[in-house]
Amino acid sequence: MTKHSYNFVETYNDLVGFGLNRETDENTVVYCLQKFSDDSLMEVLKQRMTDCELEEVFELITKVLKKHLTEEEYHQYYLKED
């Protein structure tokens, strides 16, 4: 059984854009992140990204996780630990 799900990008049919309103901004970020993390796209991108770009992406993700998740939430939602 898989632990991860990416259903939003498969079912979202509304506007993808930024700056209109908070709900659209939130949905756009989720949509873009799910598209970005697609295995076949990442296989191409990871080889083309510079060391600096890889570090920037990693640091941004880590910063957001540390800022907005408790230790327990980090283990539950990000690491998917039981």
PDB file of N, CA and C in Angstrom:
ATOM      1  N   MET A   1       0.833  -1.180   0.000  1.00  0.00           N
ATOM      2  CA  MET A   1       0.000   0.000   0.000  1.00  0.00           C
ATOM      3  C   MET A   1       0.888   1.259   0.000  1.00  0.00           C
ATOM      4  N   THR A   2       0.579   2.200  -0.847  1.00  0.00           N
ATOM      5  CA  THR A   2       1.358   3.430  -0.903  1.00  0.00           C
ATOM      6  C   THR A   2       0.942   4.380   0.209  1.00  0.00           C
ATOM      7  N   LYS A   3       1.900   5.178   0.672  1.00  0.00           N
ATOM      8  CA  LYS A   3       1.639   6.135   1.734  1.00  0.00           C
ATOM      9  C   LYS A   3       1.337   7.532   1.194  1.00  0.00           C
ATOM     10  N   HIS A   4       1.740   7.803  -0.022  1.00  0.00           N
ATOM     11  CA  HIS A   4       1.587   9.143  -0.573  1.00  0.00           C
ATOM     12  C   HIS A   4       0.426   9.202  -1.552  1.00  0.00           C
ATOM     13  N   SER A   5      -0.181  10.375  -1.626  1.00  0.00           N
ATOM     14  CA  SER A   5      -1.275  10.563  -2.573  1.00  0.00           C
ATOM     15  C   SER A   5      -1.101  11.895  -3.288  1.00  0.00           C
ATOM     16  N   TYR A   6      -1.455  11.908  -4.536  1.00  0.00           N
ATOM     17  CA  TYR A   6      -1.374  13.115  -5.354  1.00  0.00           C
ATOM     18  C   TYR A   6      -2.655  13.244  -6.163  1.00  0.00           C
ATOM     19  N   ASN A   7      -3.768  13.189  -5.487  1.00  0.00           N
ATOM     20  CA  ASN A   7      -5.058  13.199  -6.163  1.00  0.00           C
ATOM     21  C   ASN A   7      -5.511  14.583  -6.588  1.00  0.00           C
ATOM     22  N   PHE A   8      -5.102  15.596  -5.862  1.00  0.00           N
ATOM     23  CA  PHE A   8      -5.566  16.950  -6.140  1.00  0.00           C
ATOM     24  C   PHE A   8      -5.294  17.342  -7.590  1.00  0.00           C
ATOM     25  N   VAL A   9      -4.083  17.128  -8.045  1.00  0.00           N
ATOM     26  CA  VAL A   9      -3.695  17.517  -9.396  1.00  0.00           C
ATOM     27  C   VAL A   9      -4.505  16.768 -10.455  1.00  0.00           C
ATOM     28  N   GLU A  10      -4.990  15.599 -10.117  1.00  0.00           N
ATOM     29  CA  GLU A  10      -5.775  14.797 -11.058  1.00  0.00           C
ATOM     30  C   GLU A  10      -7.230  15.249 -11.149  1.00  0.00           C
ATOM     31  N   THR A  11      -7.708  15.919 -10.116  1.00  0.00           N
ATOM     32  CA  THR A  11      -9.130  16.265 -10.073  1.00  0.00           C
ATOM     33  C   THR A  11      -9.415  17.757 -10.121  1.00  0.00           C
ATOM     34  N   TYR A  12      -8.410  18.586  -9.916  1.00  0.00           N
ATOM     35  CA  TYR A  12      -8.612  20.039  -9.865  1.00  0.00           C
ATOM     36  C   TYR A  12      -8.863  20.577 -11.267  1.00  0.00           C
ATOM     37  N   ASN A  13      -9.967  21.311 -11.423  1.00  0.00           N
ATOM     38  CA  ASN A  13     -10.347  21.823 -12.737  1.00  0.00           C
ATOM     39  C   ASN A  13     -10.517  23.338 -12.766  1.00  0.00           C
ATOM     40  N   ASP A  14     -10.190  24.005 -11.678  1.00  0.00           N
ATOM     41  CA  ASP A  14     -10.384  25.444 -11.612  1.00  0.00           C
ATOM     42  C   ASP A  14      -9.122  26.185 -12.058  1.00  0.00           C
ATOM     43  N   LEU A  15      -9.120  27.477 -11.848  1.00  0.00           N
ATOM     44  CA  LEU A  15      -8.041  28.355 -12.272  1.00  0.00           C
ATOM     45  C   LEU A  15      -6.704  28.000 -11.622  1.00  0.00           C
ATOM     46  N   VAL A  16      -5.665  27.980 -12.431  1.00  0.00           N
ATOM     47  CA  VAL A  16      -4.302  27.863 -11.933  1.00  0.00           C
ATOM     48  C   VAL A  16      -3.649  29.210 -12.214  1.00  0.00           C
ATOM     49  N   GLY A  17      -3.466  29.974 -11.168  1.00  0.00           N
ATOM     50  CA  GLY A  17      -2.902  31.307 -11.289  1.00  0.00           C
ATOM     51  C   GLY A  17      -2.667  31.863  -9.903  1.00  0.00           C
ATOM     52  N   PHE A  18      -1.966  32.973  -9.835  1.00  0.00           N
ATOM     53  CA  PHE A  18      -1.610  33.491  -8.523  1.00  0.00           C
ATOM     54  C   PHE A  18      -1.986  34.959  -8.415  1.00  0.00           C
ATOM     55  N   GLY A  19      -2.503  35.348  -7.237  1.00  0.00           N
ATOM     56  CA  GLY A  19      -2.791  36.739  -6.955  1.00  0.00           C
ATOM     57  C   GLY A  19      -4.249  37.130  -7.008  1.00  0.00           C
ATOM     58  N   LEU A  20      -5.121  36.237  -7.407  1.00  0.00           N
ATOM     59  CA  LEU A  20      -6.548  36.558  -7.494  1.00  0.00           C
ATOM     60  C   LEU A  20      -7.198  36.566  -6.119  1.00  0.00           C
ATOM     61  N   ASN A  21      -7.006  35.468  -5.383  1.00  0.00           N
ATOM     62  CA  ASN A  21      -7.537  35.353  -4.024  1.00  0.00           C
ATOM     63  C   ASN A  21      -6.806  34.222  -3.303  1.00  0.00           C
ATOM     64  N   ARG A  22      -6.975  34.170  -2.006  1.00  0.00           N
ATOM     65  CA  ARG A  22      -6.240  33.194  -1.184  1.00  0.00           C
ATOM     66  C   ARG A  22      -6.546  31.757  -1.595  1.00  0.00           C
ATOM     67  N   GLU A  23      -7.810  31.429  -1.820  1.00  0.00           N
ATOM     68  CA  GLU A  23      -8.176  30.055  -2.173  1.00  0.00           C
ATOM     69  C   GLU A  23      -7.519  29.619  -3.484  1.00  0.00           C
ATOM     70  N   THR A  24      -7.550  30.479  -4.479  1.00  0.00           N
ATOM     71  CA  THR A  24      -6.914  30.143  -5.755  1.00  0.00           C
ATOM     72  C   THR A  24      -5.401  30.033  -5.591  1.00  0.00           C
ATOM     73  N   ASP A  25      -4.809  30.924  -4.790  1.00  0.00           N
ATOM     74  CA  ASP A  25      -3.370  30.852  -4.520  1.00  0.00           C
ATOM     75  C   ASP A  25      -3.008  29.521  -3.868  1.00  0.00           C
ATOM     76  N   GLU A  26      -3.770  29.117  -2.860  1.00  0.00           N
ATOM     77  CA  GLU A  26      -3.517  27.841  -2.175  1.00  0.00           C
ATOM     78  C   GLU A  26      -3.626  26.679  -3.149  1.00  0.00           C
ATOM     79  N   ASN A  27      -4.696  26.659  -3.931  1.00  0.00           N
ATOM     80  CA  ASN A  27      -4.911  25.573  -4.893  1.00  0.00           C
ATOM     81  C   ASN A  27      -3.817  25.548  -5.955  1.00  0.00           C
ATOM     82  N   THR A  28      -3.373  26.711  -6.377  1.00  0.00           N
ATOM     83  CA  THR A  28      -2.319  26.796  -7.382  1.00  0.00           C
ATOM     84  C   THR A  28      -1.006  26.245  -6.849  1.00  0.00           C
ATOM     85  N   VAL A  29      -0.684  26.552  -5.607  1.00  0.00           N
ATOM     86  CA  VAL A  29       0.550  26.031  -5.010  1.00  0.00           C
ATOM     87  C   VAL A  29       0.492  24.510  -4.906  1.00  0.00           C
ATOM     88  N   VAL A  30      -0.626  23.971  -4.439  1.00  0.00           N
ATOM     89  CA  VAL A  30      -0.772  22.511  -4.345  1.00  0.00           C
ATOM     90  C   VAL A  30      -0.648  21.887  -5.730  1.00  0.00           C
ATOM     91  N   TYR A  31      -1.350  22.447  -6.688  1.00  0.00           N
ATOM     92  CA  TYR A  31      -1.312  21.946  -8.070  1.00  0.00           C
ATOM     93  C   TYR A  31       0.124  21.941  -8.614  1.00  0.00           C
ATOM     94  N   CYS A  32       0.809  23.073  -8.466  1.00  0.00           N
ATOM     95  CA  CYS A  32       2.176  23.185  -8.997  1.00  0.00           C
ATOM     96  C   CYS A  32       3.148  22.243  -8.297  1.00  0.00           C
ATOM     97  N   LEU A  33       3.025  22.115  -6.978  1.00  0.00           N
ATOM     98  CA  LEU A  33       3.918  21.214  -6.253  1.00  0.00           C
ATOM     99  C   LEU A  33       3.693  19.763  -6.650  1.00  0.00           C
ATOM    100  N   GLN A  34       2.440  19.384  -6.848  1.00  0.00           N
ATOM    101  CA  GLN A  34       2.176  18.010  -7.253  1.00  0.00           C
ATOM    102  C   GLN A  34       2.664  17.755  -8.674  1.00  0.00           C
ATOM    103  N   LYS A  35       2.493  18.714  -9.558  1.00  0.00           N
ATOM    104  CA  LYS A  35       3.023  18.566 -10.916  1.00  0.00           C
ATOM    105  C   LYS A  35       4.555  18.504 -10.884  1.00  0.00           C
ATOM    106  N   PHE A  36       5.158  19.376 -10.085  1.00  0.00           N
ATOM    107  CA  PHE A  36       6.617  19.461  -9.981  1.00  0.00           C
ATOM    108  C   PHE A  36       7.215  18.166  -9.450  1.00  0.00           C
ATOM    109  N   SER A  37       6.538  17.525  -8.514  1.00  0.00           N
ATOM    110  CA  SER A  37       7.098  16.328  -7.882  1.00  0.00           C
ATOM    111  C   SER A  37       6.819  15.034  -8.647  1.00  0.00           C
ATOM    112  N   ASP A  38       6.198  15.132  -9.791  1.00  0.00           N
ATOM    113  CA  ASP A  38       5.949  13.953 -10.620  1.00  0.00           C
ATOM    114  C   ASP A  38       7.270  13.231 -10.903  1.00  0.00           C
ATOM    115  N   ASP A  39       7.281  11.936 -10.732  1.00  0.00           N
ATOM    116  CA  ASP A  39       8.512  11.154 -10.867  1.00  0.00           C
ATOM    117  C   ASP A  39       9.209  11.354 -12.214  1.00  0.00           C
ATOM    118  N   SER A  40       8.458  11.330 -13.299  1.00  0.00           N
ATOM    119  CA  SER A  40       9.105  11.453 -14.612  1.00  0.00           C
ATOM    120  C   SER A  40       9.669  12.854 -14.831  1.00  0.00           C
ATOM    121  N   LEU A  41       8.985  13.886 -14.351  1.00  0.00           N
ATOM    122  CA  LEU A  41       9.511  15.244 -14.463  1.00  0.00           C
ATOM    123  C   LEU A  41      10.751  15.407 -13.602  1.00  0.00           C
ATOM    124  N   MET A  42      10.713  14.910 -12.381  1.00  0.00           N
ATOM    125  CA  MET A  42      11.866  15.048 -11.488  1.00  0.00           C
ATOM    126  C   MET A  42      13.075  14.282 -12.003  1.00  0.00           C
ATOM    127  N   GLU A  43      12.845  13.188 -12.692  1.00  0.00           N
ATOM    128  CA  GLU A  43      13.957  12.430 -13.275  1.00  0.00           C
ATOM    129  C   GLU A  43      14.733  13.295 -14.258  1.00  0.00           C
ATOM    130  N   VAL A  44      14.018  14.118 -15.011  1.00  0.00           N
ATOM    131  CA  VAL A  44      14.656  15.021 -15.960  1.00  0.00           C
ATOM    132  C   VAL A  44      15.274  16.214 -15.234  1.00  0.00           C
ATOM    133  N   LEU A  45      14.489  16.863 -14.383  1.00  0.00           N
ATOM    134  CA  LEU A  45      14.940  18.096 -13.733  1.00  0.00           C
ATOM    135  C   LEU A  45      16.132  17.906 -12.804  1.00  0.00           C
ATOM    136  N   LYS A  46      16.118  16.851 -12.015  1.00  0.00           N
ATOM    137  CA  LYS A  46      17.183  16.686 -11.015  1.00  0.00           C
ATOM    138  C   LYS A  46      18.557  16.602 -11.646  1.00  0.00           C
ATOM    139  N   GLN A  47      18.630  16.086 -12.837  1.00  0.00           N
ATOM    140  CA  GLN A  47      19.906  15.978 -13.532  1.00  0.00           C
ATOM    141  C   GLN A  47      20.355  17.311 -14.123  1.00  0.00           C
ATOM    142  N   ARG A  48      19.409  18.202 -14.363  1.00  0.00           N
ATOM    143  CA  ARG A  48      19.714  19.484 -14.997  1.00  0.00           C
ATOM    144  C   ARG A  48      19.888  20.626 -14.009  1.00  0.00           C
ATOM    145  N   MET A  49      19.381  20.444 -12.801  1.00  0.00           N
ATOM    146  CA  MET A  49      19.488  21.495 -11.796  1.00  0.00           C
ATOM    147  C   MET A  49      20.921  21.597 -11.294  1.00  0.00           C
ATOM    148  N   THR A  50      21.339  22.817 -11.032  1.00  0.00           N
ATOM    149  CA  THR A  50      22.669  23.024 -10.469  1.00  0.00           C
ATOM    150  C   THR A  50      22.668  22.598  -9.001  1.00  0.00           C
ATOM    151  N   ASP A  51      23.846  22.463  -8.441  1.00  0.00           N
ATOM    152  CA  ASP A  51      23.963  22.155  -7.017  1.00  0.00           C
ATOM    153  C   ASP A  51      23.256  23.227  -6.198  1.00  0.00           C
ATOM    154  N   CYS A  52      23.408  24.464  -6.601  1.00  0.00           N
ATOM    155  CA  CYS A  52      22.781  25.587  -5.901  1.00  0.00           C
ATOM    156  C   CYS A  52      21.252  25.500  -5.981  1.00  0.00           C
ATOM    157  N   GLU A  53      20.719  25.163  -7.127  1.00  0.00           N
ATOM    158  CA  GLU A  53      19.267  25.034  -7.279  1.00  0.00           C
ATOM    159  C   GLU A  53      18.721  23.893  -6.425  1.00  0.00           C
ATOM    160  N   LEU A  54      19.423  22.771  -6.415  1.00  0.00           N
ATOM    161  CA  LEU A  54      19.008  21.655  -5.569  1.00  0.00           C
ATOM    162  C   LEU A  54      18.978  22.076  -4.102  1.00  0.00           C
ATOM    163  N   GLU A  55      20.012  22.789  -3.687  1.00  0.00           N
ATOM    164  CA  GLU A  55      20.085  23.258  -2.305  1.00  0.00           C
ATOM    165  C   GLU A  55      18.969  24.250  -1.992  1.00  0.00           C
ATOM    166  N   GLU A  56      18.675  25.143  -2.911  1.00  0.00           N
ATOM    167  CA  GLU A  56      17.604  26.132  -2.706  1.00  0.00           C
ATOM    168  C   GLU A  56      16.250  25.458  -2.517  1.00  0.00           C
ATOM    169  N   VAL A  57      15.953  24.478  -3.347  1.00  0.00           N
ATOM    170  CA  VAL A  57      14.678  23.757  -3.230  1.00  0.00           C
ATOM    171  C   VAL A  57      14.609  23.032  -1.891  1.00  0.00           C
ATOM    172  N   PHE A  58      15.690  22.335  -1.545  1.00  0.00           N
ATOM    173  CA  PHE A  58      15.731  21.610  -0.279  1.00  0.00           C
ATOM    174  C   PHE A  58      15.559  22.552   0.908  1.00  0.00           C
ATOM    175  N   GLU A  59      16.274  23.674   0.886  1.00  0.00           N
ATOM    176  CA  GLU A  59      16.201  24.627   1.995  1.00  0.00           C
ATOM    177  C   GLU A  59      14.818  25.257   2.117  1.00  0.00           C
ATOM    178  N   LEU A  60      14.170  25.561   1.001  1.00  0.00           N
ATOM    179  CA  LEU A  60      12.820  26.128   1.053  1.00  0.00           C
ATOM    180  C   LEU A  60      11.840  25.138   1.671  1.00  0.00           C
ATOM    181  N   ILE A  61      11.896  23.900   1.225  1.00  0.00           N
ATOM    182  CA  ILE A  61      10.999  22.875   1.766  1.00  0.00           C
ATOM    183  C   ILE A  61      11.240  22.691   3.258  1.00  0.00           C
ATOM    184  N   THR A  62      12.486  22.582   3.638  1.00  0.00           N
ATOM    185  CA  THR A  62      12.834  22.402   5.051  1.00  0.00           C
ATOM    186  C   THR A  62      12.373  23.586   5.892  1.00  0.00           C
ATOM    187  N   LYS A  63      12.581  24.791   5.409  1.00  0.00           N
ATOM    188  CA  LYS A  63      12.166  26.006   6.120  1.00  0.00           C
ATOM    189  C   LYS A  63      10.656  26.023   6.349  1.00  0.00           C
ATOM    190  N   VAL A  64       9.882  25.707   5.324  1.00  0.00           N
ATOM    191  CA  VAL A  64       8.419  25.705   5.438  1.00  0.00           C
ATOM    192  C   VAL A  64       7.959  24.626   6.411  1.00  0.00           C
ATOM    193  N   LEU A  65       8.545  23.454   6.322  1.00  0.00           N
ATOM    194  CA  LEU A  65       8.165  22.364   7.227  1.00  0.00           C
ATOM    195  C   LEU A  65       8.456  22.730   8.673  1.00  0.00           C
ATOM    196  N   LYS A  66       9.643  23.262   8.935  1.00  0.00           N
ATOM    197  CA  LYS A  66      10.026  23.632  10.307  1.00  0.00           C
ATOM    198  C   LYS A  66       9.147  24.736  10.862  1.00  0.00           C
ATOM    199  N   LYS A  67       8.756  25.668  10.003  1.00  0.00           N
ATOM    200  CA  LYS A  67       7.963  26.818  10.448  1.00  0.00           C
ATOM    201  C   LYS A  67       6.514  26.450  10.757  1.00  0.00           C
ATOM    202  N   HIS A  68       5.954  25.523  10.006  1.00  0.00           N
ATOM    203  CA  HIS A  68       4.513  25.297  10.079  1.00  0.00           C
ATOM    204  C   HIS A  68       4.076  23.954  10.653  1.00  0.00           C
ATOM    205  N   LEU A  69       5.013  23.055  10.923  1.00  0.00           N
ATOM    206  CA  LEU A  69       4.642  21.753  11.486  1.00  0.00           C
ATOM    207  C   LEU A  69       5.299  21.552  12.842  1.00  0.00           C
ATOM    208  N   THR A  70       4.549  20.952  13.735  1.00  0.00           N
ATOM    209  CA  THR A  70       5.142  20.508  14.994  1.00  0.00           C
ATOM    210  C   THR A  70       5.971  19.262  14.697  1.00  0.00           C
ATOM    211  N   GLU A  71       6.758  18.849  15.662  1.00  0.00           N
ATOM    212  CA  GLU A  71       7.557  17.628  15.499  1.00  0.00           C
ATOM    213  C   GLU A  71       6.653  16.429  15.190  1.00  0.00           C
ATOM    214  N   GLU A  72       5.555  16.339  15.914  1.00  0.00           N
ATOM    215  CA  GLU A  72       4.606  15.234  15.712  1.00  0.00           C
ATOM    216  C   GLU A  72       3.993  15.295  14.310  1.00  0.00           C
ATOM    217  N   GLU A  73       3.591  16.472  13.869  1.00  0.00           N
ATOM    218  CA  GLU A  73       3.013  16.625  12.530  1.00  0.00           C
ATOM    219  C   GLU A  73       4.033  16.301  11.449  1.00  0.00           C
ATOM    220  N   TYR A  74       5.268  16.701  11.671  1.00  0.00           N
ATOM    221  CA  TYR A  74       6.339  16.388  10.722  1.00  0.00           C
ATOM    222  C   TYR A  74       6.445  14.879  10.523  1.00  0.00           C
ATOM    223  N   HIS A  75       6.440  14.133  11.597  1.00  0.00           N
ATOM    224  CA  HIS A  75       6.548  12.671  11.505  1.00  0.00           C
ATOM    225  C   HIS A  75       5.290  12.056  10.900  1.00  0.00           C
ATOM    226  N   GLN A  76       4.150  12.607  11.250  1.00  0.00           N
ATOM    227  CA  GLN A  76       2.884  12.055  10.759  1.00  0.00           C
ATOM    228  C   GLN A  76       2.632  12.388   9.292  1.00  0.00           C
ATOM    229  N   TYR A  77       2.739  13.668   8.929  1.00  0.00           N
ATOM    230  CA  TYR A  77       2.334  14.102   7.591  1.00  0.00           C
ATOM    231  C   TYR A  77       3.456  14.094   6.555  1.00  0.00           C
ATOM    232  N   TYR A  78       4.664  14.400   6.968  1.00  0.00           N
ATOM    233  CA  TYR A  78       5.766  14.452   6.012  1.00  0.00           C
ATOM    234  C   TYR A  78       6.494  13.104   5.910  1.00  0.00           C
ATOM    235  N   LEU A  79       6.892  12.573   7.043  1.00  0.00           N
ATOM    236  CA  LEU A  79       7.597  11.282   7.021  1.00  0.00           C
ATOM    237  C   LEU A  79       6.656  10.094   6.878  1.00  0.00           C
ATOM    238  N   LYS A  80       5.376  10.313   7.145  1.00  0.00           N
ATOM    239  CA  LYS A  80       4.356   9.261   7.032  1.00  0.00           C
ATOM    240  C   LYS A  80       4.633   8.092   7.965  1.00  0.00           C
ATOM    241  N   GLU A  81       5.121   8.413   9.157  1.00  0.00           N
ATOM    242  CA  GLU A  81       5.373   7.379  10.147  1.00  0.00           C
ATOM    243  C   GLU A  81       4.083   7.046  10.879  1.00  0.00           C
ATOM    244  N   ASP A  82       3.953   5.806  11.222  1.00  0.00           N
ATOM    245  CA  ASP A  82       2.748   5.363  11.964  1.00  0.00           C
ATOM    246  C   ASP A  82       2.810   5.793  13.402  1.00  0.00           C
TER     247      ASP A  82
END
